[in-house]
Amino acid sequence: MDHSTSLTQHIHASPEKVWSVISDIPGSAATLSGIDSIQMLSEGPYGEGTRWKETRTMMGRSETVEMWVAQADPPRSTTVKALQGGADYTSRFSLAERDGGTDLTLTFGADIVKPTVFSKISMALFGKIGMSMTRKALAKDLAEIAAKAESL
């Protein structure tokens, strides 16, 4: 059972500037209002294997998820993964130069790794509601990334 959604935001900044915002994990809590805190688990520059814990409040509940960079091709694309509650989450950022700026596309997907009867029922019930809430949160993230990149 695969749930995924994709959004694109045009940003009036170069791919390099947009990349510098999305790859600044320690600074992401300051850029993105949806993130409460970041705890780095690895050292060094952003790249494959970079790991951190991200805390967000969704639906009034604070959730901390361990995330890692699965793929990085600066300044064109990066894939971030997370495992939470039997689901495998993938966020892929793709940057494309267009009209003197950058189209930033964020594709977010969730796969149930160990489907249980409960997870199947909850995905059926909350899948659409959850995805609509997820899309709103992702759209807000993209707008805030754009605002930060355009201010650099």
N, C-alpha and C. Protein backbone atom coordinates (compact mmCIF):
# COMPACT_ATOMS: atom_id res chain seq x y z
N MET A 1 0.86 -1.18 0.00
CA MET A 1 0.00 0.00 0.00
C MET A 1 0.89 1.23 0.00
N ASP A 2 0.86 1.97 -1.08
CA ASP A 2 1.75 3.12 -1.22
C ASP A 2 0.93 4.40 -1.27
N HIS A 3 1.30 5.35 -0.45
CA HIS A 3 0.65 6.66 -0.45
C HIS A 3 1.74 7.67 -0.77
N SER A 4 1.54 8.44 -1.85
CA SER A 4 2.53 9.47 -2.11
C SER A 4 1.87 10.70 -2.69
N THR A 5 2.56 11.82 -2.54
CA THR A 5 2.07 13.10 -3.02
C THR A 5 3.26 13.92 -3.47
N SER A 6 3.04 14.82 -4.41
CA SER A 6 4.13 15.61 -4.95
C SER A 6 3.67 17.06 -5.10
N LEU A 7 4.53 18.00 -4.70
CA LEU A 7 4.22 19.43 -4.82
C LEU A 7 5.42 20.14 -5.40
N THR A 8 5.17 21.20 -6.18
CA THR A 8 6.28 21.99 -6.73
C THR A 8 6.09 23.45 -6.37
N GLN A 9 7.18 24.09 -5.97
CA GLN A 9 7.17 25.52 -5.62
C GLN A 9 8.23 26.19 -6.48
N HIS A 10 7.85 27.29 -7.18
CA HIS A 10 8.86 28.05 -7.92
C HIS A 10 9.49 29.05 -6.96
N ILE A 11 10.82 29.04 -6.92
CA ILE A 11 11.56 29.90 -6.00
C ILE A 11 12.44 30.85 -6.80
N HIS A 12 12.38 32.14 -6.45
CA HIS A 12 13.17 33.15 -7.15
C HIS A 12 14.57 33.21 -6.56
N ALA A 13 15.29 32.09 -6.73
CA ALA A 13 16.67 31.97 -6.23
C ALA A 13 17.33 30.84 -7.01
N SER A 14 18.66 30.86 -7.06
CA SER A 14 19.40 29.83 -7.81
C SER A 14 19.28 28.47 -7.12
N PRO A 15 19.45 27.37 -7.89
CA PRO A 15 19.45 26.04 -7.27
C PRO A 15 20.47 25.94 -6.13
N GLU A 16 21.62 26.62 -6.27
CA GLU A 16 22.64 26.57 -5.21
C GLU A 16 22.12 27.17 -3.91
N LYS A 17 21.40 28.29 -4.02
CA LYS A 17 20.84 28.93 -2.82
C LYS A 17 19.75 28.05 -2.20
N VAL A 18 18.90 27.48 -3.04
CA VAL A 18 17.83 26.59 -2.54
C VAL A 18 18.48 25.37 -1.88
N TRP A 19 19.51 24.81 -2.52
CA TRP A 19 20.22 23.65 -1.96
C TRP A 19 20.78 24.00 -0.58
N SER A 20 21.35 25.22 -0.45
CA SER A 20 21.98 25.58 0.83
C SER A 20 20.93 25.63 1.94
N VAL A 21 19.68 25.92 1.61
CA VAL A 21 18.61 25.93 2.61
C VAL A 21 18.18 24.50 2.96
N ILE A 22 17.91 23.67 1.92
CA ILE A 22 17.40 22.32 2.23
C ILE A 22 18.47 21.42 2.84
N SER A 23 19.75 21.72 2.60
CA SER A 23 20.81 20.87 3.16
C SER A 23 21.31 21.38 4.52
N ASP A 24 20.75 22.49 5.00
CA ASP A 24 21.13 23.03 6.31
C ASP A 24 20.23 22.42 7.38
N ILE A 25 20.50 21.14 7.72
CA ILE A 25 19.67 20.43 8.71
C ILE A 25 19.69 21.13 10.07
N PRO A 26 20.88 21.50 10.61
CA PRO A 26 20.88 22.15 11.93
C PRO A 26 20.05 23.45 11.94
N GLY A 27 19.99 24.14 10.80
CA GLY A 27 19.25 25.41 10.74
C GLY A 27 17.78 25.24 10.36
N SER A 28 17.35 24.00 10.08
CA SER A 28 15.98 23.82 9.55
C SER A 28 14.89 24.15 10.57
N ALA A 29 15.18 24.00 11.87
CA ALA A 29 14.17 24.36 12.87
C ALA A 29 13.91 25.86 12.85
N ALA A 30 14.94 26.65 12.49
CA ALA A 30 14.77 28.11 12.40
C ALA A 30 14.04 28.50 11.12
N THR A 31 14.24 27.72 10.05
CA THR A 31 13.62 28.02 8.75
C THR A 31 12.17 27.54 8.69
N LEU A 32 11.92 26.34 9.22
CA LEU A 32 10.60 25.70 9.07
C LEU A 32 9.81 25.77 10.38
N SER A 33 8.69 26.48 10.35
CA SER A 33 7.89 26.65 11.57
C SER A 33 7.30 25.33 12.05
N GLY A 34 7.19 24.33 11.15
CA GLY A 34 6.64 23.03 11.53
C GLY A 34 7.58 22.18 12.36
N ILE A 35 8.88 22.54 12.38
CA ILE A 35 9.86 21.75 13.12
C ILE A 35 10.10 22.41 14.48
N ASP A 36 9.94 21.62 15.54
CA ASP A 36 10.17 22.12 16.90
C ASP A 36 11.66 22.10 17.25
N SER A 37 12.34 21.00 16.89
CA SER A 37 13.76 20.91 17.20
C SER A 37 14.45 19.87 16.33
N ILE A 38 15.79 20.03 16.24
CA ILE A 38 16.65 19.12 15.48
C ILE A 38 17.78 18.69 16.40
N GLN A 39 18.04 17.40 16.39
CA GLN A 39 19.19 16.88 17.14
C GLN A 39 20.06 16.12 16.14
N MET A 40 21.24 16.65 15.84
CA MET A 40 22.14 15.99 14.89
C MET A 40 22.70 14.71 15.52
N LEU A 41 22.75 13.62 14.72
CA LEU A 41 23.29 12.34 15.18
C LEU A 41 24.60 12.02 14.47
N SER A 42 24.91 12.80 13.44
CA SER A 42 26.17 12.58 12.71
C SER A 42 26.86 13.92 12.54
N GLU A 43 28.16 13.86 12.23
CA GLU A 43 28.92 15.09 12.06
C GLU A 43 29.31 15.25 10.60
N GLY A 44 29.79 16.46 10.29
CA GLY A 44 30.27 16.70 8.94
C GLY A 44 29.21 17.30 8.06
N PRO A 45 29.58 17.60 6.80
CA PRO A 45 28.65 18.25 5.88
C PRO A 45 27.50 17.33 5.46
N TYR A 46 26.44 17.94 4.95
CA TYR A 46 25.27 17.21 4.47
C TYR A 46 25.68 16.26 3.36
N GLY A 47 25.24 15.01 3.45
CA GLY A 47 25.53 14.03 2.40
C GLY A 47 24.93 12.69 2.78
N GLU A 48 25.12 11.70 1.92
CA GLU A 48 24.60 10.36 2.20
C GLU A 48 25.09 9.90 3.56
N GLY A 49 24.16 9.43 4.39
CA GLY A 49 24.52 8.95 5.71
C GLY A 49 24.32 9.98 6.81
N THR A 50 24.12 11.25 6.46
CA THR A 50 23.82 12.27 7.48
C THR A 50 22.55 11.85 8.22
N ARG A 51 22.60 11.85 9.57
CA ARG A 51 21.46 11.41 10.39
C ARG A 51 21.11 12.47 11.43
N TRP A 52 19.81 12.57 11.71
CA TRP A 52 19.36 13.49 12.75
C TRP A 52 18.00 13.06 13.27
N LYS A 53 17.62 13.65 14.41
CA LYS A 53 16.28 13.44 14.95
C LYS A 53 15.53 14.76 14.80
N GLU A 54 14.33 14.66 14.24
CA GLU A 54 13.51 15.85 13.98
C GLU A 54 12.23 15.73 14.80
N THR A 55 11.90 16.78 15.54
CA THR A 55 10.67 16.79 16.34
C THR A 55 9.70 17.78 15.73
N ARG A 56 8.49 17.28 15.43
CA ARG A 56 7.42 18.12 14.88
C ARG A 56 6.16 17.88 15.70
N THR A 57 5.29 18.88 15.72
CA THR A 57 3.99 18.70 16.36
C THR A 57 2.95 18.59 15.26
N MET A 58 2.28 17.44 15.20
CA MET A 58 1.23 17.21 14.21
C MET A 58 -0.04 16.82 14.98
N MET A 59 -1.15 17.44 14.63
CA MET A 59 -2.43 17.14 15.27
C MET A 59 -2.30 17.23 16.80
N GLY A 60 -1.52 18.21 17.27
CA GLY A 60 -1.38 18.42 18.70
C GLY A 60 -0.45 17.45 19.40
N ARG A 61 0.14 16.50 18.64
CA ARG A 61 1.05 15.52 19.25
C ARG A 61 2.47 15.78 18.78
N SER A 62 3.38 15.77 19.73
CA SER A 62 4.79 15.95 19.40
C SER A 62 5.38 14.59 19.02
N GLU A 63 6.00 14.53 17.86
CA GLU A 63 6.60 13.28 17.37
C GLU A 63 8.06 13.53 17.03
N THR A 64 8.93 12.65 17.49
CA THR A 64 10.35 12.73 17.12
C THR A 64 10.66 11.55 16.22
N VAL A 65 11.23 11.83 15.06
CA VAL A 65 11.53 10.80 14.07
C VAL A 65 13.02 10.89 13.71
N GLU A 66 13.66 9.73 13.65
CA GLU A 66 15.05 9.70 13.20
C GLU A 66 15.04 9.67 11.67
N MET A 67 15.83 10.56 11.07
CA MET A 67 15.87 10.68 9.61
C MET A 67 17.31 10.57 9.13
N TRP A 68 17.46 10.17 7.87
CA TRP A 68 18.80 10.10 7.29
C TRP A 68 18.75 10.40 5.81
N VAL A 69 19.90 10.85 5.29
CA VAL A 69 20.03 11.14 3.86
C VAL A 69 20.38 9.85 3.15
N ALA A 70 19.50 9.41 2.24
CA ALA A 70 19.73 8.18 1.49
C ALA A 70 20.47 8.47 0.18
N GLN A 71 20.29 9.69 -0.35
CA GLN A 71 20.90 10.05 -1.63
C GLN A 71 21.07 11.57 -1.66
N ALA A 72 22.20 12.02 -2.20
CA ALA A 72 22.45 13.46 -2.33
C ALA A 72 23.22 13.72 -3.61
N ASP A 73 22.68 14.59 -4.45
CA ASP A 73 23.32 14.98 -5.71
C ASP A 73 23.23 16.50 -5.82
N PRO A 74 24.07 17.23 -5.06
CA PRO A 74 23.96 18.69 -5.02
C PRO A 74 24.29 19.33 -6.36
N PRO A 75 23.60 20.38 -6.80
CA PRO A 75 22.38 20.93 -6.18
C PRO A 75 21.12 20.45 -6.92
N ARG A 76 21.10 19.18 -7.33
CA ARG A 76 19.97 18.71 -8.16
C ARG A 76 18.91 17.94 -7.39
N SER A 77 19.33 17.04 -6.47
CA SER A 77 18.32 16.24 -5.78
C SER A 77 18.87 15.63 -4.51
N THR A 78 17.96 15.32 -3.60
CA THR A 78 18.32 14.59 -2.40
C THR A 78 17.12 13.80 -1.92
N THR A 79 17.39 12.65 -1.31
CA THR A 79 16.32 11.81 -0.77
C THR A 79 16.59 11.59 0.71
N VAL A 80 15.55 11.84 1.51
CA VAL A 80 15.63 11.67 2.96
C VAL A 80 14.64 10.57 3.35
N LYS A 81 15.09 9.65 4.24
CA LYS A 81 14.24 8.53 4.66
C LYS A 81 13.99 8.59 6.16
N ALA A 82 12.89 7.97 6.57
CA ALA A 82 12.57 7.83 7.99
C ALA A 82 11.72 6.58 8.16
N LEU A 83 11.89 5.93 9.30
CA LEU A 83 11.05 4.77 9.65
C LEU A 83 10.31 5.16 10.92
N GLN A 84 8.99 5.00 10.90
CA GLN A 84 8.21 5.38 12.08
C GLN A 84 6.97 4.53 12.14
N GLY A 85 6.79 3.83 13.26
CA GLY A 85 5.56 3.07 13.48
C GLY A 85 5.20 2.12 12.35
N GLY A 86 6.17 1.36 11.84
CA GLY A 86 5.87 0.39 10.80
C GLY A 86 5.73 0.97 9.41
N ALA A 87 6.00 2.27 9.26
CA ALA A 87 5.93 2.90 7.94
C ALA A 87 7.32 3.39 7.54
N ASP A 88 7.58 3.31 6.24
CA ASP A 88 8.84 3.75 5.65
C ASP A 88 8.52 5.02 4.88
N TYR A 89 9.06 6.16 5.33
CA TYR A 89 8.77 7.45 4.69
C TYR A 89 9.93 7.89 3.82
N THR A 90 9.61 8.40 2.65
CA THR A 90 10.62 8.91 1.73
C THR A 90 10.23 10.32 1.30
N SER A 91 11.17 11.26 1.46
CA SER A 91 10.98 12.63 0.96
C SER A 91 12.07 12.88 -0.07
N ARG A 92 11.65 13.19 -1.30
CA ARG A 92 12.63 13.46 -2.36
C ARG A 92 12.49 14.90 -2.82
N PHE A 93 13.59 15.63 -2.73
CA PHE A 93 13.62 17.01 -3.22
C PHE A 93 14.33 17.02 -4.57
N SER A 94 13.68 17.60 -5.59
CA SER A 94 14.31 17.74 -6.91
C SER A 94 14.33 19.22 -7.25
N LEU A 95 15.51 19.70 -7.69
CA LEU A 95 15.68 21.12 -8.02
C LEU A 95 15.93 21.24 -9.52
N ALA A 96 15.18 22.12 -10.18
CA ALA A 96 15.37 22.34 -11.61
C ALA A 96 15.38 23.84 -11.88
N GLU A 97 16.41 24.28 -12.60
CA GLU A 97 16.52 25.70 -12.93
C GLU A 97 15.43 26.06 -13.94
N ARG A 98 14.71 27.16 -13.69
CA ARG A 98 13.68 27.61 -14.63
C ARG A 98 13.45 29.10 -14.46
N ASP A 99 13.42 29.83 -15.57
CA ASP A 99 13.11 31.27 -15.58
C ASP A 99 13.94 32.06 -14.56
N GLY A 100 15.24 31.77 -14.50
CA GLY A 100 16.11 32.52 -13.59
C GLY A 100 15.92 32.16 -12.13
N GLY A 101 15.12 31.14 -11.86
CA GLY A 101 14.90 30.69 -10.49
C GLY A 101 14.97 29.18 -10.44
N THR A 102 14.31 28.59 -9.46
CA THR A 102 14.37 27.14 -9.27
C THR A 102 12.98 26.59 -9.01
N ASP A 103 12.65 25.50 -9.69
CA ASP A 103 11.44 24.74 -9.35
C ASP A 103 11.89 23.68 -8.35
N LEU A 104 11.36 23.75 -7.14
CA LEU A 104 11.67 22.77 -6.11
C LEU A 104 10.47 21.83 -6.00
N THR A 105 10.69 20.56 -6.33
CA THR A 105 9.61 19.57 -6.25
C THR A 105 9.89 18.65 -5.07
N LEU A 106 8.91 18.51 -4.22
CA LEU A 106 9.00 17.63 -3.07
C LEU A 106 8.02 16.49 -3.27
N THR A 107 8.54 15.27 -3.32
CA THR A 107 7.70 14.08 -3.44
C THR A 107 7.81 13.32 -2.13
N PHE A 108 6.67 13.11 -1.49
CA PHE A 108 6.65 12.45 -0.19
C PHE A 108 5.84 11.17 -0.32
N GLY A 109 6.41 10.08 0.18
CA GLY A 109 5.70 8.81 0.10
C GLY A 109 5.79 8.03 1.39
N ALA A 110 4.79 7.21 1.64
CA ALA A 110 4.77 6.34 2.82
C ALA A 110 4.43 4.93 2.37
N ASP A 111 5.25 3.98 2.79
CA ASP A 111 4.99 2.56 2.53
C ASP A 111 4.87 1.87 3.88
N ILE A 112 3.86 1.02 4.02
CA ILE A 112 3.73 0.23 5.24
C ILE A 112 4.69 -0.95 5.13
N VAL A 113 5.64 -1.02 6.07
CA VAL A 113 6.66 -2.06 6.02
C VAL A 113 6.11 -3.39 6.53
N LYS A 114 5.47 -3.34 7.69
CA LYS A 114 4.90 -4.55 8.29
C LYS A 114 3.41 -4.31 8.46
N PRO A 115 2.62 -4.55 7.43
CA PRO A 115 1.19 -4.26 7.52
C PRO A 115 0.52 -5.10 8.60
N THR A 116 -0.19 -4.45 9.49
CA THR A 116 -1.00 -5.15 10.48
C THR A 116 -2.44 -4.85 10.12
N VAL A 117 -3.35 -5.59 10.69
CA VAL A 117 -4.77 -5.31 10.43
C VAL A 117 -5.06 -3.86 10.82
N PHE A 118 -4.51 -3.44 11.97
CA PHE A 118 -4.74 -2.07 12.45
C PHE A 118 -4.20 -1.03 11.46
N SER A 119 -2.96 -1.25 10.97
CA SER A 119 -2.37 -0.26 10.06
C SER A 119 -3.14 -0.19 8.75
N LYS A 120 -3.65 -1.35 8.28
CA LYS A 120 -4.43 -1.35 7.04
C LYS A 120 -5.73 -0.58 7.22
N ILE A 121 -6.40 -0.80 8.35
CA ILE A 121 -7.66 -0.08 8.62
C ILE A 121 -7.37 1.41 8.79
N SER A 122 -6.32 1.75 9.57
CA SER A 122 -6.06 3.17 9.80
C SER A 122 -5.61 3.87 8.53
N MET A 123 -4.85 3.19 7.66
CA MET A 123 -4.46 3.80 6.38
C MET A 123 -5.70 4.03 5.51
N ALA A 124 -6.63 3.08 5.54
CA ALA A 124 -7.85 3.22 4.75
C ALA A 124 -8.67 4.40 5.28
N LEU A 125 -8.76 4.52 6.61
CA LEU A 125 -9.55 5.59 7.21
C LEU A 125 -8.85 6.94 7.14
N PHE A 126 -7.56 6.93 7.51
CA PHE A 126 -6.84 8.19 7.66
C PHE A 126 -5.97 8.53 6.46
N GLY A 127 -5.84 7.58 5.53
CA GLY A 127 -4.98 7.81 4.37
C GLY A 127 -5.27 9.13 3.67
N LYS A 128 -6.55 9.35 3.31
CA LYS A 128 -6.91 10.57 2.57
C LYS A 128 -6.81 11.80 3.46
N ILE A 129 -7.32 11.71 4.70
CA ILE A 129 -7.26 12.84 5.63
C ILE A 129 -5.79 13.12 5.95
N GLY A 130 -5.06 12.06 6.25
CA GLY A 130 -3.64 12.19 6.58
C GLY A 130 -2.87 12.81 5.44
N MET A 131 -3.13 12.36 4.20
CA MET A 131 -2.42 12.91 3.04
C MET A 131 -2.78 14.38 2.83
N SER A 132 -4.04 14.75 3.07
CA SER A 132 -4.41 16.15 2.87
C SER A 132 -3.72 17.02 3.92
N MET A 133 -3.60 16.52 5.17
CA MET A 133 -2.88 17.26 6.20
C MET A 133 -1.39 17.30 5.88
N THR A 134 -0.86 16.19 5.38
CA THR A 134 0.55 16.11 5.01
C THR A 134 0.84 17.11 3.89
N ARG A 135 -0.04 17.16 2.86
CA ARG A 135 0.14 18.10 1.75
C ARG A 135 0.19 19.54 2.25
N LYS A 136 -0.71 19.88 3.20
CA LYS A 136 -0.72 21.25 3.75
C LYS A 136 0.60 21.55 4.46
N ALA A 137 1.08 20.58 5.25
CA ALA A 137 2.34 20.77 5.97
C ALA A 137 3.51 20.89 4.99
N LEU A 138 3.52 20.06 3.93
CA LEU A 138 4.59 20.10 2.93
C LEU A 138 4.57 21.42 2.16
N ALA A 139 3.37 21.89 1.81
CA ALA A 139 3.24 23.16 1.08
C ALA A 139 3.79 24.30 1.92
N LYS A 140 3.52 24.26 3.24
CA LYS A 140 4.03 25.29 4.15
C LYS A 140 5.55 25.21 4.21
N ASP A 141 6.09 23.98 4.32
CA ASP A 141 7.55 23.80 4.32
C ASP A 141 8.16 24.41 3.06
N LEU A 142 7.58 24.11 1.89
CA LEU A 142 8.11 24.62 0.62
C LEU A 142 8.08 26.14 0.58
N ALA A 143 6.98 26.74 1.05
CA ALA A 143 6.86 28.21 1.05
C ALA A 143 7.93 28.82 1.96
N GLU A 144 8.19 28.17 3.09
CA GLU A 144 9.19 28.69 4.03
C GLU A 144 10.61 28.49 3.50
N ILE A 145 10.85 27.38 2.78
CA ILE A 145 12.16 27.17 2.13
C ILE A 145 12.36 28.27 1.08
N ALA A 146 11.31 28.55 0.31
CA ALA A 146 11.37 29.58 -0.73
C ALA A 146 11.70 30.94 -0.12
N ALA A 147 11.00 31.30 0.96
CA ALA A 147 11.21 32.59 1.60
C ALA A 147 12.65 32.73 2.08
N LYS A 148 13.18 31.65 2.67
CA LYS A 148 14.56 31.67 3.17
C LYS A 148 15.55 31.79 2.01
N ALA A 149 15.38 30.98 0.96
CA ALA A 149 16.32 31.00 -0.18
C ALA A 149 16.29 32.36 -0.88
N GLU A 150 15.08 32.95 -0.98
CA GLU A 150 14.95 34.25 -1.67
C GLU A 150 15.55 35.38 -0.84
N SER A 151 15.76 35.16 0.46
CA SER A 151 16.31 36.21 1.31
C SER A 151 17.84 36.13 1.39
N LEU A 152 18.42 35.05 0.82
CA LEU A 152 19.89 34.88 0.90
C LEU A 152 20.60 35.81 -0.07
